[in-house]
């Protein structure tokens, strides 16, 4: 698979919280760090995504905000 995304992280799906329309997928990227992604239920089912699956996170950020 070729992609234009340059920010890519490998990880393992640790938790999936499924709602009516969207899901929160928590991915362990190592060193005790986790990232979450919100995807549609259709995408979850199309990918047959399950806890324990190895995945590639593709990140494209147009803005990064910091608050303290």
N, C-alpha and C. Protein backbone atom coordinates (compact mmCIF):
# COMPACT_ATOMS: atom_id res chain seq x y z
N UNK A 1 0.85 -1.17 0.00
CA UNK A 1 0.00 0.00 0.00
C UNK A 1 0.90 1.24 0.00
N UNK A 2 0.68 2.12 -0.94
CA UNK A 2 1.40 3.40 -0.96
C UNK A 2 0.45 4.48 -0.47
N UNK A 3 1.03 5.45 0.24
CA UNK A 3 0.22 6.53 0.79
C UNK A 3 1.04 7.81 0.84
N UNK A 4 0.36 8.94 0.87
CA UNK A 4 1.06 10.22 0.98
C UNK A 4 1.31 10.60 2.44
N UNK A 5 0.72 9.86 3.37
CA UNK A 5 0.94 10.14 4.79
C UNK A 5 2.39 9.88 5.16
N UNK A 6 3.04 10.85 5.78
CA UNK A 6 4.44 10.69 6.17
C UNK A 6 4.59 10.33 7.64
N UNK A 7 3.59 10.66 8.45
CA UNK A 7 3.63 10.33 9.88
C UNK A 7 2.92 9.00 10.08
N UNK A 8 3.71 7.94 10.29
CA UNK A 8 3.17 6.60 10.42
C UNK A 8 3.75 5.94 11.66
N UNK A 9 2.88 5.33 12.45
CA UNK A 9 3.30 4.63 13.67
C UNK A 9 2.69 3.24 13.69
N UNK A 10 3.51 2.24 13.98
CA UNK A 10 3.01 0.88 14.13
C UNK A 10 2.54 0.69 15.56
N UNK A 11 1.49 -0.11 15.72
CA UNK A 11 0.97 -0.36 17.07
C UNK A 11 0.06 -1.56 17.12
N UNK A 12 -0.48 -1.79 18.31
CA UNK A 12 -1.38 -2.92 18.57
C UNK A 12 -2.67 -2.39 19.15
N UNK A 13 -3.80 -2.82 18.60
CA UNK A 13 -5.10 -2.41 19.11
C UNK A 13 -5.28 -2.99 20.51
N UNK A 14 -5.51 -2.11 21.48
CA UNK A 14 -5.68 -2.54 22.87
C UNK A 14 -7.12 -2.51 23.33
N UNK A 15 -7.90 -1.58 22.77
CA UNK A 15 -9.29 -1.45 23.23
C UNK A 15 -10.14 -0.81 22.13
N UNK A 16 -11.37 -1.33 22.00
CA UNK A 16 -12.33 -0.76 21.05
C UNK A 16 -13.62 -0.48 21.81
N UNK A 17 -14.04 0.79 21.78
CA UNK A 17 -15.31 1.17 22.38
C UNK A 17 -16.25 1.53 21.25
N UNK A 18 -17.27 0.68 21.07
CA UNK A 18 -18.16 0.81 19.92
C UNK A 18 -19.44 1.55 20.31
N UNK A 19 -19.75 2.61 19.58
CA UNK A 19 -20.99 3.35 19.75
C UNK A 19 -21.96 3.00 18.63
N UNK A 20 -23.00 3.80 18.46
CA UNK A 20 -23.97 3.53 17.40
C UNK A 20 -23.41 3.84 16.01
N UNK A 21 -22.66 4.94 15.89
CA UNK A 21 -22.15 5.36 14.59
C UNK A 21 -20.63 5.34 14.49
N UNK A 22 -19.96 5.57 15.62
CA UNK A 22 -18.50 5.63 15.62
C UNK A 22 -17.91 4.77 16.73
N UNK A 23 -16.61 4.50 16.60
CA UNK A 23 -15.88 3.71 17.58
C UNK A 23 -14.63 4.48 17.98
N UNK A 24 -14.20 4.29 19.22
CA UNK A 24 -12.91 4.79 19.67
C UNK A 24 -11.98 3.59 19.73
N UNK A 25 -10.89 3.68 18.98
CA UNK A 25 -9.91 2.59 18.93
C UNK A 25 -8.64 3.08 19.60
N UNK A 26 -8.24 2.42 20.70
CA UNK A 26 -7.02 2.78 21.42
C UNK A 26 -5.91 1.84 20.97
N UNK A 27 -4.78 2.45 20.58
CA UNK A 27 -3.66 1.69 20.01
C UNK A 27 -2.41 1.93 20.85
N UNK A 28 -1.77 0.84 21.28
CA UNK A 28 -0.50 0.90 22.01
C UNK A 28 0.62 1.04 20.99
N UNK A 29 1.39 2.14 21.09
CA UNK A 29 2.48 2.36 20.14
C UNK A 29 3.85 2.10 20.78
N UNK A 30 3.86 1.54 21.97
CA UNK A 30 5.10 1.17 22.64
C UNK A 30 5.52 2.19 23.68
N UNK A 31 6.45 1.78 24.52
CA UNK A 31 6.99 2.64 25.60
C UNK A 31 5.89 3.19 26.50
N UNK A 32 4.80 2.42 26.67
CA UNK A 32 3.70 2.86 27.53
C UNK A 32 2.84 3.95 26.94
N UNK A 33 3.01 4.23 25.65
CA UNK A 33 2.24 5.30 24.99
C UNK A 33 1.09 4.71 24.19
N UNK A 34 -0.06 5.41 24.24
CA UNK A 34 -1.24 4.99 23.47
C UNK A 34 -1.81 6.18 22.73
N UNK A 35 -2.33 5.91 21.56
CA UNK A 35 -3.06 6.91 20.78
C UNK A 35 -4.46 6.38 20.52
N UNK A 36 -5.41 7.29 20.40
CA UNK A 36 -6.79 6.92 20.11
C UNK A 36 -7.20 7.47 18.76
N UNK A 37 -8.04 6.71 18.07
CA UNK A 37 -8.58 7.14 16.79
C UNK A 37 -10.08 6.91 16.80
N UNK A 38 -10.82 7.84 16.24
CA UNK A 38 -12.26 7.68 16.11
C UNK A 38 -12.56 7.32 14.66
N UNK A 39 -13.18 6.16 14.47
CA UNK A 39 -13.54 5.69 13.14
C UNK A 39 -15.02 5.30 13.13
N UNK A 40 -15.58 5.17 11.95
CA UNK A 40 -16.99 4.76 11.87
C UNK A 40 -17.12 3.27 12.16
N UNK A 41 -18.32 2.89 12.57
CA UNK A 41 -18.61 1.47 12.79
C UNK A 41 -18.44 0.71 11.47
N UNK A 42 -18.86 1.33 10.35
CA UNK A 42 -18.68 0.69 9.03
C UNK A 42 -17.22 0.40 8.76
N UNK A 43 -16.33 1.35 9.06
CA UNK A 43 -14.89 1.14 8.83
C UNK A 43 -14.37 0.02 9.72
N UNK A 44 -14.80 -0.02 10.97
CA UNK A 44 -14.39 -1.08 11.91
C UNK A 44 -14.77 -2.45 11.35
N UNK A 45 -16.01 -2.54 10.86
CA UNK A 45 -16.48 -3.82 10.33
C UNK A 45 -15.81 -4.17 9.00
N UNK A 46 -15.61 -3.18 8.12
CA UNK A 46 -14.94 -3.42 6.84
C UNK A 46 -13.52 -3.95 7.03
N UNK A 47 -12.82 -3.42 8.04
CA UNK A 47 -11.44 -3.85 8.31
C UNK A 47 -11.37 -5.09 9.19
N UNK A 48 -12.53 -5.51 9.72
CA UNK A 48 -12.58 -6.65 10.66
C UNK A 48 -11.56 -6.43 11.77
N UNK A 49 -11.56 -5.21 12.32
CA UNK A 49 -10.59 -4.80 13.33
C UNK A 49 -10.96 -5.38 14.68
N UNK A 50 -9.96 -5.97 15.37
CA UNK A 50 -10.17 -6.58 16.67
C UNK A 50 -9.02 -6.23 17.61
N UNK A 51 -9.28 -6.32 18.92
CA UNK A 51 -8.22 -6.13 19.90
C UNK A 51 -7.12 -7.15 19.63
N UNK A 52 -5.88 -6.69 19.70
CA UNK A 52 -4.74 -7.55 19.45
C UNK A 52 -4.19 -7.43 18.04
N UNK A 53 -4.97 -6.82 17.13
CA UNK A 53 -4.51 -6.66 15.75
C UNK A 53 -3.34 -5.68 15.68
N UNK A 54 -2.36 -5.99 14.83
CA UNK A 54 -1.27 -5.07 14.53
C UNK A 54 -1.79 -4.11 13.46
N UNK A 55 -1.58 -2.81 13.68
CA UNK A 55 -2.09 -1.79 12.76
C UNK A 55 -1.02 -0.74 12.48
N UNK A 56 -1.27 0.06 11.48
CA UNK A 56 -0.43 1.19 11.14
C UNK A 56 -1.27 2.45 11.28
N UNK A 57 -0.87 3.36 12.15
CA UNK A 57 -1.57 4.62 12.32
C UNK A 57 -1.01 5.61 11.30
N UNK A 58 -1.90 6.22 10.55
CA UNK A 58 -1.52 7.22 9.55
C UNK A 58 -2.01 8.57 10.07
N UNK A 59 -1.09 9.49 10.28
CA UNK A 59 -1.42 10.75 10.95
C UNK A 59 -1.18 11.93 10.02
N UNK A 60 -2.20 12.74 9.85
CA UNK A 60 -2.07 13.97 9.07
C UNK A 60 -2.74 15.07 9.88
N UNK A 61 -1.94 15.91 10.49
CA UNK A 61 -2.46 16.95 11.36
C UNK A 61 -2.36 18.30 10.68
N UNK A 62 -3.46 19.03 10.64
CA UNK A 62 -3.43 20.38 10.11
C UNK A 62 -3.21 21.40 11.22
N UNK A 63 -3.41 20.95 12.47
CA UNK A 63 -3.19 21.83 13.61
C UNK A 63 -2.88 20.97 14.84
N UNK A 64 -2.04 21.50 15.70
CA UNK A 64 -1.75 20.86 16.98
C UNK A 64 -1.95 21.91 18.06
N UNK A 65 -2.81 21.61 19.02
CA UNK A 65 -3.09 22.57 20.09
C UNK A 65 -2.52 22.05 21.39
N UNK A 66 -2.06 22.98 22.24
CA UNK A 66 -1.56 22.62 23.57
C UNK A 66 -2.27 23.50 24.59
N UNK A 67 -2.72 22.88 25.68
CA UNK A 67 -3.36 23.62 26.76
C UNK A 67 -2.75 23.16 28.08
N UNK A 68 -2.70 24.09 29.03
CA UNK A 68 -2.15 23.73 30.34
C UNK A 68 -3.04 24.31 31.41
